[in-house]
């Protein structure tokens, strides 16, 4: 039995949820035979088969989650040997938060694409966490505290949350000088902030939380920033979303002594002994760009 071939057949069937849609360049009957051989050797049923779709059993799902990264590691090892002196090639799948990607990751993508034209970049921009195994993601950009997992993390930089508003709004409604005064102002809420309507400012024993009253709620830091520029209220936004506006005076930073602990920005990837060049090069470039663009904020 060709064990590797059987494993590839099984993984492709699970991803396609179908024997006929699994793309391996062989017939449906051959793919079915390979999966059957794998089940016979393991003495475990891996798949539920119906006329409409294929799904994993509980054993099959656990087996898929283990063998999928192993096949990726094998492919990376083969590529490292085969193309040792060649440029990286193939697909590179990246997921990242929308606003951060639009402001900071697009220059990385542009430069990387020019340098390595044989790599096809597939970007999934979303503010929701994506399962790297299920979605076949190579690199995930995450902001915030990382939960313990089998993922490898490299820090790109850090950011802060800043309270800010447009000068016109402050002229019309006054500038808060204490955290408690935020409760009496109209606010624009970026719903990606994990605290919701309870904003926590300051650090350690000096941290203060306040319940704010949002006039507008939107799930995008960049959209919230646009509303602040139009004078709709006060916002509590990631520093990377408003740095240029603060520098140009379009927005004013409020309560500057009440800044919370910095929040880390990380590039994550599946643990592999033989990391592919395209993943390593992309992350290295992202680190360099983030440093140059002063993502790290105080």
Protein backbone atom coordinates (compact mmCIF):
# COMPACT_ATOMS: atom_id res chain seq x y z
CA UNK A 1 0.00 0.00 0.00
CA UNK A 2 1.20 3.50 -0.85
CA UNK A 3 0.67 5.04 2.61
CA UNK A 4 1.47 8.60 1.56
CA UNK A 5 -0.83 8.32 -1.45
CA UNK A 6 -3.62 7.00 0.76
CA UNK A 7 -3.13 9.82 3.24
CA UNK A 8 -3.29 12.39 0.46
CA UNK A 9 -6.45 10.81 -0.88
CA UNK A 10 -8.07 10.88 2.56
CA UNK A 11 -7.12 14.53 3.22
CA UNK A 12 -8.37 15.69 -0.17
CA UNK A 13 -11.67 13.86 0.24
CA UNK A 14 -12.20 15.46 3.66
CA UNK A 15 -11.43 18.94 2.30
CA UNK A 16 -13.68 18.46 -0.74
CA UNK A 17 -16.38 16.57 1.25
CA UNK A 18 -16.63 14.38 -1.82
CA UNK A 19 -14.77 11.59 -3.61
CA UNK A 20 -15.57 13.04 -7.02
CA UNK A 21 -14.40 16.58 -6.13
CA UNK A 22 -11.07 15.48 -4.65
CA UNK A 23 -8.45 16.73 -7.10
CA UNK A 24 -5.58 14.28 -7.30
CA UNK A 25 -5.44 13.53 -11.01
CA UNK A 26 -6.82 10.01 -10.53
CA UNK A 27 -10.27 8.45 -10.81
CA UNK A 28 -12.95 8.54 -8.14
CA UNK A 29 -12.70 4.74 -7.90
CA UNK A 30 -8.96 4.92 -7.25
CA UNK A 31 -9.41 7.56 -4.53
CA UNK A 32 -12.13 5.45 -2.90
CA UNK A 33 -9.85 2.41 -3.02
CA UNK A 34 -6.99 4.32 -1.36
CA UNK A 35 -9.20 5.57 1.46
CA UNK A 36 -10.57 2.06 1.91
CA UNK A 37 -7.04 0.67 2.17
CA UNK A 38 -6.22 3.25 4.81
CA UNK A 39 -9.31 2.36 6.85
CA UNK A 40 -8.52 -1.35 6.52
CA UNK A 41 -4.97 -0.87 7.77
CA UNK A 42 -6.11 1.27 10.71
CA UNK A 43 -9.14 -0.95 11.35
CA UNK A 44 -11.16 2.23 11.90
CA UNK A 45 -13.90 3.86 9.84
CA UNK A 46 -12.68 7.36 8.95
CA UNK A 47 -15.56 8.61 6.78
CA UNK A 48 -19.33 8.62 6.71
CA UNK A 49 -20.41 8.10 3.10
CA UNK A 50 -23.81 9.13 1.69
CA UNK A 51 -25.01 9.74 -1.86
CA UNK A 52 -24.85 13.51 -1.30
CA UNK A 53 -21.71 14.14 0.73
CA UNK A 54 -18.85 12.69 2.71
CA UNK A 55 -18.06 13.63 6.32
CA UNK A 56 -15.55 12.48 8.89
CA UNK A 57 -16.28 10.21 11.81
CA UNK A 58 -14.94 11.38 15.18
CA UNK A 59 -11.88 9.16 14.64
CA UNK A 60 -11.58 10.42 11.08
CA UNK A 61 -11.64 14.08 12.16
CA UNK A 62 -8.95 13.49 14.78
CA UNK A 63 -6.83 11.61 12.21
CA UNK A 64 -7.31 14.38 9.63
CA UNK A 65 -6.19 17.08 12.08
CA UNK A 66 -2.99 15.15 12.73
CA UNK A 67 -2.05 13.98 9.26
CA UNK A 68 -2.93 17.22 7.41
CA UNK A 69 -0.03 19.22 8.93
CA UNK A 70 2.28 16.21 8.55
CA UNK A 71 1.65 16.16 4.81
CA UNK A 72 2.30 19.89 4.71
CA UNK A 73 5.57 19.34 6.52
CA UNK A 74 6.51 16.61 4.06
CA UNK A 75 5.72 18.90 1.12
CA UNK A 76 7.80 21.67 2.68
CA UNK A 77 10.72 19.28 3.16
CA UNK A 78 10.46 18.10 -0.45
CA UNK A 79 10.35 21.71 -1.64
CA UNK A 80 13.36 22.66 0.47
CA UNK A 81 15.40 19.88 -1.11
CA UNK A 82 14.07 20.20 -4.65
CA UNK A 83 14.24 23.98 -4.89
CA UNK A 84 17.15 24.66 -2.58
CA UNK A 85 18.63 27.22 -4.96
CA UNK A 86 15.36 28.32 -6.52
CA UNK A 87 12.90 31.07 -5.66
CA UNK A 88 9.85 30.17 -3.57
CA UNK A 89 6.76 29.15 -5.49
CA UNK A 90 3.24 27.84 -5.04
CA UNK A 91 0.32 29.19 -2.98
CA UNK A 92 0.70 31.26 0.16
CA UNK A 93 -2.53 31.66 2.12
CA UNK A 94 -2.64 34.54 4.63
CA UNK A 95 -5.40 35.72 6.95
CA UNK A 96 -5.36 39.05 8.81
CA UNK A 97 -7.65 41.62 10.48
CA UNK A 98 -9.22 43.90 7.88
CA UNK A 99 -8.08 47.37 8.98
CA UNK A 100 -4.57 46.31 9.91
CA UNK A 101 -4.21 44.51 6.59
CA UNK A 102 -5.47 47.48 4.58
CA UNK A 103 -3.14 49.92 6.32
CA UNK A 104 -0.01 47.86 6.93
CA UNK A 105 -0.11 44.49 5.22
CA UNK A 106 -0.82 45.61 1.65
CA UNK A 107 2.67 47.12 1.19
CA UNK A 108 4.12 43.81 2.39
CA UNK A 109 1.93 41.89 -0.05
CA UNK A 110 2.87 44.23 -2.89
CA UNK A 111 6.62 44.00 -2.25
CA UNK A 112 6.52 40.25 -1.66
CA UNK A 113 4.59 39.69 -4.90
CA UNK A 114 7.15 41.70 -6.89
CA UNK A 115 10.12 39.87 -5.37
CA UNK A 116 8.62 36.38 -5.64
CA UNK A 117 6.37 36.31 -8.71
CA UNK A 118 6.09 32.51 -8.65
CA UNK A 119 4.18 32.64 -5.35
CA UNK A 120 0.39 33.03 -5.62
CA UNK A 121 -0.92 35.01 -2.64
CA UNK A 122 -4.42 34.25 -1.35
CA UNK A 123 -5.60 36.72 1.31
CA UNK A 124 -8.52 36.15 3.68
CA UNK A 125 -9.16 39.47 5.43
CA UNK A 126 -11.48 39.05 8.38
CA UNK A 127 -11.74 40.24 11.96
CA UNK A 128 -12.76 36.73 13.04
CA UNK A 129 -10.23 34.05 13.95
CA UNK A 130 -9.78 31.48 11.19
CA UNK A 131 -8.87 27.83 11.79
CA UNK A 132 -5.50 27.42 10.10
CA UNK A 133 -5.87 23.69 9.51
CA UNK A 134 -9.46 23.76 8.28
CA UNK A 135 -8.91 26.74 5.96
CA UNK A 136 -5.40 25.63 4.89
CA UNK A 137 -3.90 28.93 6.08
CA UNK A 138 -0.11 29.34 6.03
CA UNK A 139 0.16 32.59 8.02
CA UNK A 140 -2.34 34.25 10.36
CA UNK A 141 -1.91 37.80 11.66
CA UNK A 142 -3.47 38.11 15.10
CA UNK A 143 -3.78 41.09 17.45
CA UNK A 144 -4.14 40.63 21.20
CA UNK A 145 -3.31 38.07 23.83
CA UNK A 146 -2.66 34.64 22.35
CA UNK A 147 -4.31 31.57 23.76
CA UNK A 148 -2.14 28.52 24.26
CA UNK A 149 -2.04 26.38 21.15
CA UNK A 150 0.23 24.38 18.90
CA UNK A 151 0.78 27.43 16.69
CA UNK A 152 4.15 29.14 16.44
CA UNK A 153 4.07 32.91 17.00
CA UNK A 154 6.49 35.64 15.90
CA UNK A 155 5.90 39.15 17.14
CA UNK A 156 5.54 41.85 14.48
CA UNK A 157 5.14 44.71 16.93
CA UNK A 158 2.59 46.13 19.32
CA UNK A 159 -0.15 48.74 19.41
CA UNK A 160 -2.13 50.76 21.93
CA UNK A 161 -5.78 51.72 22.22
CA UNK A 162 -6.24 55.49 22.05
CA UNK A 163 -9.21 57.69 22.91
CA UNK A 164 -9.63 60.35 20.24
CA UNK A 165 -12.07 62.73 18.57
CA UNK A 166 -12.19 65.40 15.89
CA UNK A 167 -11.37 68.99 16.96
CA UNK A 168 -14.78 70.19 15.73
CA UNK A 169 -16.56 67.71 18.00
CA UNK A 170 -14.50 68.87 20.98
CA UNK A 171 -15.24 72.54 20.27
CA UNK A 172 -18.96 71.79 20.17
CA UNK A 173 -19.15 69.38 23.13
CA UNK A 174 -16.08 70.01 25.24
CA UNK A 175 -12.99 67.91 25.86
CA UNK A 176 -13.14 65.29 28.63
CA UNK A 177 -10.33 65.58 31.16
CA UNK A 178 -11.32 62.58 33.29
CA UNK A 179 -12.31 59.06 32.28
CA UNK A 180 -15.68 59.40 34.03
CA UNK A 181 -16.66 62.23 31.68
CA UNK A 182 -16.70 59.84 28.71
CA UNK A 183 -20.06 58.54 29.95
CA UNK A 184 -21.62 61.90 29.04
CA UNK A 185 -20.34 61.98 25.46
CA UNK A 186 -21.59 60.47 22.23
CA UNK A 187 -19.24 57.65 21.25
CA UNK A 188 -18.43 55.69 18.10
CA UNK A 189 -17.82 52.04 18.94
CA UNK A 190 -15.61 49.65 16.99
CA UNK A 191 -17.30 46.37 17.94
CA UNK A 192 -14.03 44.49 17.40
CA UNK A 193 -12.88 45.91 20.74
CA UNK A 194 -13.34 42.94 23.12
CA UNK A 195 -14.58 45.13 25.98
CA UNK A 196 -17.62 46.29 24.04
CA UNK A 197 -19.18 49.39 25.57
CA UNK A 198 -16.97 49.13 28.68
CA UNK A 199 -13.72 50.91 27.91
CA UNK A 200 -10.77 50.22 30.22
CA UNK A 201 -8.06 52.88 30.34
CA UNK A 202 -4.82 53.01 32.30
CA UNK A 203 -2.59 50.20 33.55
CA UNK A 204 -2.48 47.93 36.56
CA UNK A 205 -3.86 49.46 39.75
CA UNK A 206 -4.49 52.73 37.89
CA UNK A 207 -6.80 51.13 35.32
CA UNK A 208 -10.30 52.62 35.18
CA UNK A 209 -13.33 51.18 33.36
CA UNK A 210 -16.23 53.26 32.11
CA UNK A 211 -19.51 52.32 30.41
CA UNK A 212 -19.97 54.47 27.30
CA UNK A 213 -23.07 55.21 25.22
CA UNK A 214 -22.32 54.56 21.54
CA UNK A 215 -24.20 56.65 19.01
CA UNK A 216 -22.92 54.42 16.20
CA UNK A 217 -21.55 50.87 16.35
CA UNK A 218 -19.51 49.46 13.45
CA UNK A 219 -17.31 46.38 13.15
CA UNK A 220 -14.38 48.17 11.53
CA UNK A 221 -11.72 50.40 13.07
CA UNK A 222 -11.25 52.18 9.74
CA UNK A 223 -14.98 52.90 9.41
CA UNK A 224 -15.12 54.12 13.01
CA UNK A 225 -12.18 56.41 12.29
CA UNK A 226 -14.08 57.90 9.30
CA UNK A 227 -17.06 58.63 11.55
CA UNK A 228 -14.82 60.30 14.11
CA UNK A 229 -13.39 62.55 11.40
CA UNK A 230 -16.97 63.55 10.54
CA UNK A 231 -17.52 64.64 14.15
CA UNK A 232 -19.92 61.94 15.33
CA UNK A 233 -18.31 61.47 18.73
CA UNK A 234 -15.38 60.03 20.66
CA UNK A 235 -13.76 56.71 19.74
CA UNK A 236 -11.43 54.19 21.36
CA UNK A 237 -9.41 52.85 18.46
CA UNK A 238 -6.19 50.96 17.69
CA UNK A 239 -3.25 53.32 17.39
CA UNK A 240 -2.38 52.01 13.92
CA UNK A 241 -5.79 53.17 12.61
CA UNK A 242 -5.40 56.83 13.66
CA UNK A 243 -1.66 57.58 13.78
CA UNK A 244 -1.63 59.70 10.61
CA UNK A 245 -4.79 61.59 11.58
CA UNK A 246 -3.31 62.51 14.96
CA UNK A 247 -0.06 63.65 13.35
CA UNK A 248 -1.94 65.84 10.87
CA UNK A 249 -4.31 67.28 13.49
CA UNK A 250 -7.44 65.77 11.96
CA UNK A 251 -8.03 63.95 15.26
CA UNK A 252 -6.92 64.78 18.80
CA UNK A 253 -5.78 62.19 21.32
CA UNK A 254 -7.65 62.48 24.62
CA UNK A 255 -6.69 61.41 28.14
CA UNK A 256 -3.09 60.66 27.04
CA UNK A 257 -2.01 59.61 30.55
CA UNK A 258 -4.65 56.84 30.65
CA UNK A 259 -3.16 54.43 28.10
CA UNK A 260 -3.69 50.69 28.68
CA UNK A 261 -1.02 48.01 28.35
CA UNK A 262 0.35 47.59 24.80
CA UNK A 263 -1.28 44.87 22.72
CA UNK A 264 0.89 42.49 20.71
CA UNK A 265 0.63 41.95 16.95
CA UNK A 266 1.75 38.46 15.89
CA UNK A 267 2.28 36.29 12.84
CA UNK A 268 1.24 32.70 13.54
CA UNK A 269 1.84 29.50 11.61
CA UNK A 270 1.50 25.78 12.15
CA UNK A 271 4.41 24.12 13.90
CA UNK A 272 6.66 22.54 11.29
CA UNK A 273 10.25 21.42 11.54
CA UNK A 274 10.84 22.35 7.92
CA UNK A 275 9.22 25.77 7.50
CA UNK A 276 8.74 26.65 3.84
CA UNK A 277 10.78 29.54 2.47
CA UNK A 278 7.68 31.43 1.33
CA UNK A 279 6.24 31.49 4.87
CA UNK A 280 9.54 32.48 6.45
CA UNK A 281 10.24 35.19 3.87
CA UNK A 282 6.74 36.65 4.16
CA UNK A 283 6.92 36.87 7.95
CA UNK A 284 10.44 38.35 7.83
CA UNK A 285 9.22 41.01 5.42
CA UNK A 286 6.17 41.77 7.59
CA UNK A 287 8.40 42.27 10.62
CA UNK A 288 10.62 44.66 8.68
CA UNK A 289 7.69 46.67 7.31
CA UNK A 290 5.98 46.93 10.68
CA UNK A 291 9.19 48.25 12.22
CA UNK A 292 9.67 50.80 9.47
CA UNK A 293 6.05 51.95 9.63
CA UNK A 294 6.22 52.48 13.41
CA UNK A 295 3.37 50.17 14.35
CA UNK A 296 4.85 49.96 17.85
CA UNK A 297 3.12 52.72 19.80
CA UNK A 298 3.44 54.09 23.30
